[in-house]
Structures are given as C-alpha cells and as structure tokens.
Amino acid sequence: LIMLPGNSINVERNKIDGYISNEKPVIITVNFIPENIVSDYIYISNVKRYLYWNQNDIFQNHKKIISSNIKNNSDNQNEVIVSFSKLIKCGWEHLDNSGLMLLRLLDRIGVTEIAIAGFDGYSYTSEGTPNYVSDTLELSSTKKDPIQTNTEIESMLEDYFNTRSNKNTIVKFITTSRFSGSIKTI
C-alpha cells in the first residue's frame, strides 16, 4: 500500500483502515507520516519534506527509503538509499513526482500488487478542497497551475503503465483520485 499525503487520507480513512485490516499490506508512506497508521517504510524523495520531517522522532527511528538527491550514502541500518536518476524520467516539468518515482522503484524490484491511497491530484482554488492531509504540507507550486500539474501527472502515469517492466502488476486506487478514471490499465 502506497500512501501519499492527499486529503483523501482524511476523508476516506475507513476505506484505508479496511484495506489494511483485510489485506495486511506492506505500507509505504510517501514524504509524510500519517496519524494513527504505522507504516513499514517512509519513502522520501523531496528535499523540503526531508528537512521538515528530519527533526521528528518517529521519522528518525523509522525505516526509510531515501532517494539519492537527498543523501548519497548512509551508515544507518534503517535507511536504504535509491538512485534518483534511475527513478525519474525526462520529458515533464515535474519529473521528480514522488508517487511516480516510487511506482517505478516498485516495478524495478518486482512488486506484483500495488494499492494506492492519497494520490488525489490537485484541487483548483475555486473548489476549496485541501490538497494535502495537513495544511503544513501544502506547496505554493501546486496552486500555481493545478490543471497543468494534473495533466502532467496523468501523462506520467500513462507512461508508467505503458513502459513498466512487469505488465501484470495489479495497481489500484483505494481512495478517490483524479487519475483513477483516466488510466484504463488499473
């Protein structure tokens, strides 16, 4: 279960709790620490998020997967460093989208079933819907042009499904996402 920090983590918590209870997945959170959910790993590829969480005791003592744009090596047995350059794909302005990078990593290591929660897409200012599980995670760049950002993420998702190594991997959204209806392979 990949948990990204979209607001659906709050709104659809029952779906997430039910999935965790029934499926007992390995839980990887992306660039955040959820309240009342214990994850197996924290995947972090965003420098700002790393600096934000690095002072947190839970983060300090947790197993982490960290991309090499943040750290090149570690002697901490709770940290695994993965190649940033092998997880990004050129052609998009937001080529370092953490969710896409983690999907590519999971494809590289042969994961055969992936559930996604909190990969909501960005809301438009007029909708008044929070983009993130917490206001402290809000980025000004996501408000600049959410239509373009959503279009780009959708394009990157389509590319992921068309180019992934393991075409039989099951990928499904368990919370509402702007991207779930447009990806036919899910």
C-alpha atoms as a PDB file:
ATOM      1  CA  LEU A   1       0.000   0.000   0.000  1.00  0.00           C
ATOM      2  CA  ILE A   2       1.452   3.310  -1.125  1.00  0.00           C
ATOM      3  CA  MET A   3       0.094   6.181   0.945  1.00  0.00           C
ATOM      4  CA  LEU A   4       0.607   9.648  -0.473  1.00  0.00           C
ATOM      5  CA  PRO A   5      -0.350  12.771   1.503  1.00  0.00           C
ATOM      6  CA  GLY A   6      -3.554  13.699  -0.350  1.00  0.00           C
ATOM      7  CA  ASN A   7      -6.596  14.843   1.616  1.00  0.00           C
ATOM      8  CA  SER A   8      -8.436  11.589   0.807  1.00  0.00           C
ATOM      9  CA  ILE A   9      -6.300  10.054   3.573  1.00  0.00           C
ATOM     10  CA  ASN A  10      -8.519  12.034   5.980  1.00  0.00           C
ATOM     11  CA  VAL A  11     -11.811  11.845   4.094  1.00  0.00           C
ATOM     12  CA  GLU A  12     -11.681   8.139   3.204  1.00  0.00           C
ATOM     13  CA  ARG A  13      -9.939   6.789   6.275  1.00  0.00           C
ATOM     14  CA  ASN A  14     -12.451   3.931   6.638  1.00  0.00           C
ATOM     15  CA  LYS A  15     -11.501   2.583   3.188  1.00  0.00           C
ATOM     16  CA  ILE A  16      -7.816   2.673   4.119  1.00  0.00           C
ATOM     17  CA  ASP A  17      -8.354   1.067   7.524  1.00  0.00           C
ATOM     18  CA  GLY A  18     -10.497  -1.659   5.926  1.00  0.00           C
ATOM     19  CA  TYR A  19      -7.896  -2.355   3.259  1.00  0.00           C
ATOM     20  CA  ILE A  20      -5.123  -2.577   5.847  1.00  0.00           C
ATOM     21  CA  SER A  21      -7.213  -4.834   8.085  1.00  0.00           C
ATOM     22  CA  ASN A  22      -8.217  -7.194   5.262  1.00  0.00           C
ATOM     23  CA  GLU A  23      -5.053  -7.275   3.154  1.00  0.00           C
ATOM     24  CA  LYS A  24      -2.286  -6.668   5.742  1.00  0.00           C
ATOM     25  CA  PRO A  25      -0.055  -4.974   3.153  1.00  0.00           C
ATOM     26  CA  VAL A  26       3.442  -3.605   3.440  1.00  0.00           C
ATOM     27  CA  ILE A  27       2.720   0.098   3.944  1.00  0.00           C
ATOM     28  CA  ILE A  28       4.970   2.726   2.391  1.00  0.00           C
ATOM     29  CA  THR A  29       4.149   6.354   3.105  1.00  0.00           C
ATOM     30  CA  VAL A  30       5.416   8.966   0.686  1.00  0.00           C
ATOM     31  CA  ASN A  31       7.005  12.125   2.101  1.00  0.00           C
ATOM     32  CA  PHE A  32       4.834  12.160   5.227  1.00  0.00           C
ATOM     33  CA  ILE A  33       3.969  10.399   8.471  1.00  0.00           C
ATOM     34  CA  PRO A  34       0.240   9.689   8.802  1.00  0.00           C
ATOM     35  CA  GLU A  35      -1.569   9.955  12.107  1.00  0.00           C
ATOM     36  CA  ASN A  36      -2.608   6.638  13.654  1.00  0.00           C
ATOM     37  CA  ILE A  37      -1.261   4.455  10.843  1.00  0.00           C
ATOM     38  CA  VAL A  38       2.031   2.697  11.345  1.00  0.00           C
ATOM     39  CA  SER A  39       3.883   2.286   8.087  1.00  0.00           C
ATOM     40  CA  ASP A  40       6.626  -0.191   7.323  1.00  0.00           C
ATOM     41  CA  TYR A  41       8.658   2.377   5.391  1.00  0.00           C
ATOM     42  CA  ILE A  42       8.740   6.080   4.705  1.00  0.00           C
ATOM     43  CA  TYR A  43       9.752   6.824   1.125  1.00  0.00           C
ATOM     44  CA  ILE A  44      11.228  10.284   0.799  1.00  0.00           C
ATOM     45  CA  SER A  45      12.462  11.937  -2.382  1.00  0.00           C
ATOM     46  CA  ASN A  46      11.580  15.561  -1.715  1.00  0.00           C
ATOM     47  CA  VAL A  47      14.306  17.624  -0.041  1.00  0.00           C
ATOM     48  CA  LYS A  48      11.823  20.050   1.575  1.00  0.00           C
ATOM     49  CA  ARG A  49       9.846  17.153   3.043  1.00  0.00           C
ATOM     50  CA  TYR A  50      13.040  15.504   4.271  1.00  0.00           C
ATOM     51  CA  LEU A  51      14.143  18.672   6.039  1.00  0.00           C
ATOM     52  CA  TYR A  52      10.675  19.089   7.526  1.00  0.00           C
ATOM     53  CA  TRP A  53      10.440  15.515   8.888  1.00  0.00           C
ATOM     54  CA  ASN A  54      14.089  15.035   9.795  1.00  0.00           C
ATOM     55  CA  GLN A  55      13.566  16.624  13.235  1.00  0.00           C
ATOM     56  CA  ASN A  56      10.677  14.254  14.032  1.00  0.00           C
ATOM     57  CA  ASP A  57      11.449  11.353  16.412  1.00  0.00           C
ATOM     58  CA  ILE A  58       9.144   8.951  14.561  1.00  0.00           C
ATOM     59  CA  PHE A  59      10.932   9.755  11.314  1.00  0.00           C
ATOM     60  CA  GLN A  60      14.354   9.392  12.924  1.00  0.00           C
ATOM     61  CA  ASN A  61      13.594   5.892  14.227  1.00  0.00           C
ATOM     62  CA  HIS A  62      11.652   4.632  11.210  1.00  0.00           C
ATOM     63  CA  LYS A  63      12.787   2.534   8.248  1.00  0.00           C
ATOM     64  CA  LYS A  64      13.289   4.878   5.332  1.00  0.00           C
ATOM     65  CA  ILE A  65      13.811   4.652   1.592  1.00  0.00           C
ATOM     66  CA  ILE A  66      15.610   7.843   0.581  1.00  0.00           C
ATOM     67  CA  SER A  67      16.401   8.946  -2.953  1.00  0.00           C
ATOM     68  CA  SER A  68      19.979   9.936  -3.728  1.00  0.00           C
ATOM     69  CA  ASN A  69      19.102  13.577  -4.438  1.00  0.00           C
ATOM     70  CA  ILE A  70      18.784  13.850  -0.630  1.00  0.00           C
ATOM     71  CA  LYS A  71      21.593  11.551   0.561  1.00  0.00           C
ATOM     72  CA  ASN A  72      24.272   9.640  -1.322  1.00  0.00           C
ATOM     73  CA  ASN A  73      25.078   7.134   1.393  1.00  0.00           C
ATOM     74  CA  SER A  74      24.127   6.195   4.915  1.00  0.00           C
ATOM     75  CA  ASP A  75      25.526   4.101   7.703  1.00  0.00           C
ATOM     76  CA  ASN A  76      22.086   3.936   9.342  1.00  0.00           C
ATOM     77  CA  GLN A  77      20.698   0.396   9.065  1.00  0.00           C
ATOM     78  CA  ASN A  78      17.165   1.844   8.918  1.00  0.00           C
ATOM     79  CA  GLU A  79      17.908   3.730   5.684  1.00  0.00           C
ATOM     80  CA  VAL A  80      18.105   2.483   2.137  1.00  0.00           C
ATOM     81  CA  ILE A  81      19.381   4.917  -0.481  1.00  0.00           C
ATOM     82  CA  VAL A  82      17.990   4.521  -4.009  1.00  0.00           C
ATOM     83  CA  SER A  83      19.173   6.160  -7.214  1.00  0.00           C
ATOM     84  CA  PHE A  84      17.256   9.329  -8.002  1.00  0.00           C
ATOM     85  CA  SER A  85      18.412   9.306 -11.624  1.00  0.00           C
ATOM     86  CA  LYS A  86      17.094   5.770 -12.199  1.00  0.00           C
ATOM     87  CA  LEU A  87      13.630   6.694 -10.902  1.00  0.00           C
ATOM     88  CA  ILE A  88      12.984   9.927 -12.776  1.00  0.00           C
ATOM     89  CA  LYS A  89      12.073  10.112 -16.417  1.00  0.00           C
ATOM     90  CA  CYS A  90      12.736  13.200 -18.502  1.00  0.00           C
ATOM     91  CA  GLY A  91      10.056  14.895 -20.539  1.00  0.00           C
ATOM     92  CA  TRP A  92       7.965  16.520 -17.831  1.00  0.00           C
ATOM     93  CA  GLU A  93       8.408  19.624 -15.701  1.00  0.00           C
ATOM     94  CA  HIS A  94       7.556  17.659 -12.533  1.00  0.00           C
ATOM     95  CA  LEU A  95       9.684  14.663 -13.484  1.00  0.00           C
ATOM     96  CA  ASP A  96      10.505  14.128  -9.800  1.00  0.00           C
ATOM     97  CA  ASN A  97       6.933  13.376  -8.703  1.00  0.00           C
ATOM     98  CA  SER A  98       7.440  11.179  -5.645  1.00  0.00           C
ATOM     99  CA  GLY A  99       4.477   8.899  -6.312  1.00  0.00           C
ATOM    100  CA  LEU A 100       5.670   8.112  -9.821  1.00  0.00           C
ATOM    101  CA  MET A 101       9.226   7.606  -8.638  1.00  0.00           C
ATOM    102  CA  LEU A 102       8.038   5.079  -6.047  1.00  0.00           C
ATOM    103  CA  LEU A 103       5.908   3.250  -8.622  1.00  0.00           C
ATOM    104  CA  ARG A 104       8.995   2.950 -10.844  1.00  0.00           C
ATOM    105  CA  LEU A 105      11.048   1.676  -7.903  1.00  0.00           C
ATOM    106  CA  LEU A 106       8.437  -0.954  -7.043  1.00  0.00           C
ATOM    107  CA  ASP A 107       8.387  -2.026 -10.694  1.00  0.00           C
ATOM    108  CA  ARG A 108      12.185  -2.370 -10.680  1.00  0.00           C
ATOM    109  CA  ILE A 109      12.096  -4.653  -7.630  1.00  0.00           C
ATOM    110  CA  GLY A 110       9.246  -6.794  -8.958  1.00  0.00           C
ATOM    111  CA  VAL A 111       6.299  -5.922  -6.711  1.00  0.00           C
ATOM    112  CA  THR A 112       3.226  -7.622  -8.206  1.00  0.00           C
ATOM    113  CA  GLU A 113       0.346  -5.826  -6.462  1.00  0.00           C
ATOM    114  CA  ILE A 114       0.121  -2.157  -5.526  1.00  0.00           C
ATOM    115  CA  ALA A 115      -2.713  -0.282  -3.844  1.00  0.00           C
ATOM    116  CA  ILE A 116      -2.608   3.500  -3.756  1.00  0.00           C
ATOM    117  CA  ALA A 117      -4.211   5.893  -1.269  1.00  0.00           C
ATOM    118  CA  GLY A 118      -3.915   9.656  -1.138  1.00  0.00           C
ATOM    119  CA  PHE A 119      -2.831  10.176  -4.759  1.00  0.00           C
ATOM    120  CA  ASP A 120      -5.692  12.624  -5.200  1.00  0.00           C
ATOM    121  CA  GLY A 121      -4.490  15.106  -7.761  1.00  0.00           C
ATOM    122  CA  TYR A 122      -4.547  18.827  -7.154  1.00  0.00           C
ATOM    123  CA  SER A 123      -7.718  20.757  -6.464  1.00  0.00           C
ATOM    124  CA  TYR A 124      -8.476  24.069  -8.042  1.00  0.00           C
ATOM    125  CA  THR A 125      -8.657  27.140  -5.839  1.00  0.00           C
ATOM    126  CA  SER A 126     -12.375  27.622  -6.547  1.00  0.00           C
ATOM    127  CA  GLU A 127     -13.151  24.109  -5.266  1.00  0.00           C
ATOM    128  CA  GLY A 128     -11.859  24.958  -1.805  1.00  0.00           C
ATOM    129  CA  THR A 129     -10.737  21.360  -1.253  1.00  0.00           C
ATOM    130  CA  PRO A 130      -7.459  20.904   0.612  1.00  0.00           C
ATOM    131  CA  ASN A 131      -4.772  19.240  -1.467  1.00  0.00           C
ATOM    132  CA  TYR A 132      -2.956  17.600   1.422  1.00  0.00           C
ATOM    133  CA  VAL A 133      -3.700  15.597   4.532  1.00  0.00           C
ATOM    134  CA  SER A 134      -2.305  18.551   6.524  1.00  0.00           C
ATOM    135  CA  ASP A 135      -2.043  22.273   5.787  1.00  0.00           C
ATOM    136  CA  THR A 136       1.627  22.145   6.772  1.00  0.00           C
ATOM    137  CA  LEU A 137       2.346  20.062   3.651  1.00  0.00           C
ATOM    138  CA  GLU A 138       0.737  22.498   1.194  1.00  0.00           C
ATOM    139  CA  LEU A 139       3.115  23.685  -1.515  1.00  0.00           C
ATOM    140  CA  SER A 140       2.635  27.010  -3.267  1.00  0.00           C
ATOM    141  CA  SER A 141       3.689  25.428  -6.569  1.00  0.00           C
ATOM    142  CA  THR A 142       0.599  23.189  -6.596  1.00  0.00           C
ATOM    143  CA  LYS A 143      -1.699  26.216  -6.518  1.00  0.00           C
ATOM    144  CA  LYS A 144       0.071  27.941  -9.414  1.00  0.00           C
ATOM    145  CA  ASP A 145      -1.381  25.777 -12.174  1.00  0.00           C
ATOM    146  CA  PRO A 146      -3.174  22.675 -10.848  1.00  0.00           C
ATOM    147  CA  ILE A 147      -4.709  21.909 -14.253  1.00  0.00           C
ATOM    148  CA  GLN A 148      -1.272  21.624 -15.868  1.00  0.00           C
ATOM    149  CA  THR A 149       0.128  19.667 -12.924  1.00  0.00           C
ATOM    150  CA  ASN A 150      -2.763  17.164 -13.009  1.00  0.00           C
ATOM    151  CA  THR A 151      -2.423  16.793 -16.785  1.00  0.00           C
ATOM    152  CA  GLU A 152       1.290  16.156 -16.438  1.00  0.00           C
ATOM    153  CA  ILE A 153       0.848  13.572 -13.662  1.00  0.00           C
ATOM    154  CA  GLU A 154      -1.785  11.798 -15.737  1.00  0.00           C
ATOM    155  CA  SER A 155       0.640  11.697 -18.653  1.00  0.00           C
ATOM    156  CA  MET A 156       3.393  10.309 -16.405  1.00  0.00           C
ATOM    157  CA  LEU A 157       1.009   7.640 -15.061  1.00  0.00           C
ATOM    158  CA  GLU A 158       0.084   6.612 -18.595  1.00  0.00           C
ATOM    159  CA  ASP A 159       3.776   6.410 -19.450  1.00  0.00           C
ATOM    160  CA  TYR A 160       4.421   4.303 -16.337  1.00  0.00           C
ATOM    161  CA  PHE A 161       1.734   1.808 -17.359  1.00  0.00           C
ATOM    162  CA  ASN A 162       2.988   1.690 -20.948  1.00  0.00           C
ATOM    163  CA  THR A 163       6.670   1.266 -20.101  1.00  0.00           C
ATOM    164  CA  ARG A 164       6.798  -0.686 -16.834  1.00  0.00           C
ATOM    165  CA  SER A 165       8.715  -3.942 -16.800  1.00  0.00           C
ATOM    166  CA  ASN A 166       6.065  -6.036 -15.089  1.00  0.00           C
ATOM    167  CA  LYS A 167       2.887  -5.514 -17.139  1.00  0.00           C
ATOM    168  CA  ASN A 168       0.985  -7.973 -14.918  1.00  0.00           C
ATOM    169  CA  THR A 169       1.379  -5.950 -11.733  1.00  0.00           C
ATOM    170  CA  ILE A 170      -2.038  -5.107 -10.334  1.00  0.00           C
ATOM    171  CA  VAL A 171      -2.341  -1.418  -9.475  1.00  0.00           C
ATOM    172  CA  LYS A 172      -5.478   0.021  -7.927  1.00  0.00           C
ATOM    173  CA  PHE A 173      -6.579   3.178  -6.191  1.00  0.00           C
ATOM    174  CA  ILE A 174      -8.359   2.600  -2.884  1.00  0.00           C
ATOM    175  CA  THR A 175      -9.189   6.269  -2.324  1.00  0.00           C
ATOM    176  CA  THR A 176     -10.694   8.763  -4.742  1.00  0.00           C
ATOM    177  CA  SER A 177      -8.202  10.095  -7.259  1.00  0.00           C
ATOM    178  CA  ARG A 178      -8.456  12.422 -10.238  1.00  0.00           C
ATOM    179  CA  PHE A 179      -6.312   9.869 -12.050  1.00  0.00           C
ATOM    180  CA  SER A 180      -8.201   6.618 -11.445  1.00  0.00           C
ATOM    181  CA  GLY A 181     -10.806   7.005 -14.201  1.00  0.00           C
ATOM    182  CA  SER A 182      -8.376   8.028 -16.904  1.00  0.00           C
ATOM    183  CA  ILE A 183      -5.980   5.091 -16.526  1.00  0.00           C
ATOM    184  CA  LYS A 184      -7.504   2.117 -18.319  1.00  0.00           C
ATOM    185  CA  THR A 185      -4.960  -0.392 -17.082  1.00  0.00           C
ATOM    186  CA  ILE A 186      -5.937  -0.004 -13.430  1.00  0.00           C
END
